[in-house]
Amino acid sequence: MATITTTTTTGTTTSSDNRRKRNTGGLIIGIAAIVISAIFFVVPFVFILLIASKPVAEANLLEFSWPSNFVLFDNLAQAFAARDYLMVIAFINSVILTVVSVAAIVIFSAMVAYVWQRRASRLNPLISMLILAGLIVPPAIVPTIWVLQGLGLFKTMPGLILIEIAYGLPFCVLLF
């Protein structure tokens, strides 16, 4: 890399030195932004962890202080066991819903996008319009519920999975 050297009364400077000086200001601003962002994101989690580590009477004070008794694991066991392990069941249901719907969205959107881009047709503008309409038009909740009730899928896991697939498909088709 060739550098341009200029001579001044104070000495010799190069353009790479000037670039370093300009980048130092940006580096300091970037580091400050990262530190401030980390504070805004980390402090709430530390507060939650501290509150969860305290006994119930002390946690009700909502103070940002160390617990007098460290009972985090007892509190977590109590929270998980509450209402017949409903939180654990909800977590398992969320994992099933997410994994199945994301897998189906990826498979179906990859197939649709591949055919849509590889096959030249007069219908491609219409397909583009329909995919964009799927992104733009807000979902109609009440008719969706009626359809799911008619199919017997309302308040079931397969019904939720189908809704997730239908709402995520247009965006993923455009990603592929």
Protein backbone atom coordinates (compact mmCIF):
# COMPACT_ATOMS: atom_id res chain seq x y z
CA MET A 1 0.00 0.00 0.00
CA ALA A 2 1.44 3.33 -0.99
CA THR A 3 1.28 6.14 1.53
CA ILE A 4 1.36 9.80 0.76
CA THR A 5 3.92 11.69 2.79
CA THR A 6 3.58 15.37 3.47
CA THR A 7 6.15 17.45 5.27
CA THR A 8 5.12 20.20 7.64
CA THR A 9 7.04 22.38 10.01
CA THR A 10 6.30 20.01 12.88
CA GLY A 11 7.45 16.85 11.15
CA THR A 12 6.32 14.18 8.73
CA THR A 13 2.76 12.78 8.70
CA THR A 14 1.22 10.17 6.48
CA SER A 15 -2.33 9.69 5.31
CA SER A 16 -2.55 6.39 7.22
CA ASP A 17 -1.82 8.31 10.46
CA ASN A 18 -4.66 10.71 9.64
CA ARG A 19 -6.97 7.76 9.04
CA ARG A 20 -6.06 6.29 12.42
CA LYS A 21 -6.80 9.59 14.14
CA ARG A 22 -10.21 9.79 12.43
CA ASN A 23 -11.03 6.17 13.27
CA THR A 24 -10.13 6.66 16.94
CA GLY A 25 -13.11 8.97 17.47
CA GLY A 26 -15.45 6.49 15.83
CA LEU A 27 -13.96 3.67 17.88
CA ILE A 28 -14.51 5.54 21.14
CA ILE A 29 -18.12 6.34 20.18
CA GLY A 30 -18.71 2.71 19.21
CA ILE A 31 -17.28 1.38 22.47
CA ALA A 32 -19.36 3.88 24.47
CA ALA A 33 -22.51 2.83 22.60
CA ILE A 34 -21.79 -0.84 23.30
CA VAL A 35 -21.19 -0.16 27.01
CA ILE A 36 -24.39 1.90 27.34
CA SER A 37 -26.40 -0.74 25.47
CA ALA A 38 -24.94 -3.48 27.65
CA ILE A 39 -25.93 -1.55 30.78
CA PHE A 40 -29.50 -1.12 29.52
CA PHE A 41 -29.78 -4.81 28.68
CA VAL A 42 -27.83 -6.35 31.58
CA VAL A 43 -29.17 -4.33 34.53
CA PRO A 44 -32.78 -5.61 34.25
CA PHE A 45 -31.56 -9.22 34.15
CA VAL A 46 -29.36 -8.63 37.20
CA PHE A 47 -32.36 -7.08 38.99
CA ILE A 48 -34.52 -10.12 38.12
CA LEU A 49 -31.80 -12.49 39.31
CA LEU A 50 -31.38 -10.58 42.59
CA ILE A 51 -35.13 -10.49 43.25
CA ALA A 52 -35.43 -14.21 42.46
CA SER A 53 -32.60 -14.94 44.91
CA LYS A 54 -34.35 -13.32 47.88
CA PRO A 55 -36.92 -14.72 50.29
CA VAL A 56 -40.52 -13.65 49.55
CA ALA A 57 -40.74 -10.95 52.24
CA GLU A 58 -37.47 -9.38 51.14
CA ALA A 59 -38.32 -9.66 47.43
CA ASN A 60 -41.58 -7.74 47.97
CA LEU A 61 -39.53 -4.65 48.90
CA LEU A 62 -38.17 -4.49 45.30
CA GLU A 63 -34.79 -3.18 46.39
CA PHE A 64 -31.66 -3.45 44.25
CA SER A 65 -29.56 -5.09 46.99
CA TRP A 66 -27.93 -8.39 47.82
CA PRO A 67 -30.22 -10.97 49.39
CA SER A 68 -29.82 -11.73 53.09
CA ASN A 69 -30.59 -15.41 52.33
CA PHE A 70 -29.72 -16.87 48.93
CA VAL A 71 -32.78 -18.98 48.01
CA LEU A 72 -32.69 -18.85 44.20
CA PHE A 73 -32.95 -22.60 43.63
CA ASP A 74 -35.77 -23.01 46.15
CA ASN A 75 -37.69 -20.16 44.52
CA LEU A 76 -37.17 -21.63 41.05
CA ALA A 77 -38.36 -25.05 42.21
CA GLN A 78 -41.44 -23.42 43.72
CA ALA A 79 -42.16 -21.45 40.54
CA PHE A 80 -41.84 -24.54 38.35
CA ALA A 81 -43.98 -26.69 40.67
CA ALA A 82 -46.77 -24.10 40.92
CA ARG A 83 -50.12 -25.05 39.37
CA ASP A 84 -49.08 -28.62 38.57
CA TYR A 85 -45.95 -27.68 36.61
CA LEU A 86 -47.92 -25.48 34.20
CA MET A 87 -44.80 -23.43 33.35
CA VAL A 88 -42.93 -26.57 32.26
CA ILE A 89 -45.89 -27.72 30.16
CA ALA A 90 -46.12 -24.27 28.55
CA PHE A 91 -42.39 -24.35 27.77
CA ILE A 92 -42.68 -27.78 26.15
CA ASN A 93 -45.68 -26.62 24.10
CA SER A 94 -43.75 -23.53 22.97
CA VAL A 95 -40.78 -25.63 21.89
CA ILE A 96 -43.02 -28.00 19.91
CA LEU A 97 -44.86 -25.10 18.26
CA THR A 98 -41.67 -23.28 17.35
CA VAL A 99 -39.69 -26.26 16.07
CA VAL A 100 -42.50 -27.73 13.95
CA SER A 101 -43.69 -24.42 12.50
CA VAL A 102 -40.19 -23.14 11.70
CA ALA A 103 -39.22 -26.44 10.09
CA ALA A 104 -42.39 -26.44 7.97
CA ILE A 105 -41.95 -22.76 7.03
CA VAL A 106 -38.36 -23.34 5.92
CA ILE A 107 -39.24 -26.41 3.86
CA PHE A 108 -42.33 -24.95 2.20
CA SER A 109 -40.91 -21.49 1.56
CA ALA A 110 -37.73 -22.94 0.06
CA MET A 111 -39.79 -25.06 -2.32
CA VAL A 112 -42.08 -22.18 -3.29
CA ALA A 113 -39.22 -19.72 -3.78
CA TYR A 114 -37.20 -22.18 -5.85
CA VAL A 115 -40.04 -22.88 -8.27
CA TRP A 116 -41.09 -19.23 -8.34
CA GLN A 117 -37.61 -18.02 -9.33
CA ARG A 118 -36.64 -20.86 -11.70
CA ARG A 119 -39.82 -21.15 -13.74
CA ALA A 120 -40.58 -18.21 -16.00
CA SER A 121 -44.31 -17.75 -16.28
CA ARG A 122 -46.92 -15.13 -16.97
CA LEU A 123 -48.23 -15.81 -13.48
CA ASN A 124 -45.04 -14.64 -11.72
CA PRO A 125 -46.26 -11.03 -11.31
CA LEU A 126 -49.52 -12.33 -9.84
CA ILE A 127 -47.62 -14.63 -7.47
CA SER A 128 -45.42 -11.69 -6.45
CA MET A 129 -48.49 -9.61 -5.74
CA LEU A 130 -50.06 -12.37 -3.64
CA ILE A 131 -46.88 -12.88 -1.60
CA LEU A 132 -46.56 -9.14 -0.97
CA ALA A 133 -50.26 -9.00 -0.06
CA GLY A 134 -49.57 -11.69 2.52
CA LEU A 135 -47.06 -9.32 4.10
CA ILE A 136 -49.08 -6.13 3.79
CA VAL A 137 -52.67 -7.16 4.53
CA PRO A 138 -53.29 -7.59 8.26
CA PRO A 139 -54.54 -11.00 9.31
CA ALA A 140 -58.29 -11.33 9.76
CA ILE A 141 -58.62 -12.88 13.20
CA VAL A 142 -62.36 -13.58 13.40
CA PRO A 143 -62.68 -15.39 10.03
CA THR A 144 -59.56 -17.39 10.89
CA ILE A 145 -61.18 -18.51 14.13
CA TRP A 146 -64.36 -19.47 12.23
CA VAL A 147 -62.37 -21.56 9.76
CA LEU A 148 -60.45 -23.29 12.55
CA GLN A 149 -63.69 -24.00 14.44
CA GLY A 150 -65.23 -25.43 11.28
CA LEU A 151 -62.24 -27.73 10.79
CA GLY A 152 -62.18 -28.71 14.47
CA LEU A 153 -58.68 -27.23 14.93
CA PHE A 154 -59.53 -24.29 17.20
CA LYS A 155 -57.54 -24.36 20.48
CA THR A 156 -55.34 -27.25 19.29
CA MET A 157 -51.63 -27.50 18.63
CA PRO A 158 -52.07 -28.38 14.91
CA GLY A 159 -54.30 -25.31 14.51
CA LEU A 160 -51.64 -23.07 16.07
CA ILE A 161 -48.95 -24.60 13.89
CA LEU A 162 -50.98 -24.01 10.74
CA ILE A 163 -51.59 -20.37 11.72
CA GLU A 164 -47.88 -19.83 12.35
CA ILE A 165 -47.03 -21.36 8.99
CA ALA A 166 -49.62 -19.25 7.17
CA TYR A 167 -48.42 -16.00 8.75
CA GLY A 168 -44.70 -16.73 8.32
CA LEU A 169 -44.69 -18.15 4.82
CA PRO A 170 -44.78 -14.89 2.75
CA PHE A 171 -41.83 -13.38 4.57
CA CYS A 172 -39.73 -16.53 4.30
CA VAL A 173 -40.53 -16.96 0.61
CA LEU A 174 -39.07 -13.49 0.02
CA LEU A 175 -36.00 -14.41 2.10
CA PHE A 176 -35.24 -17.36 -0.14
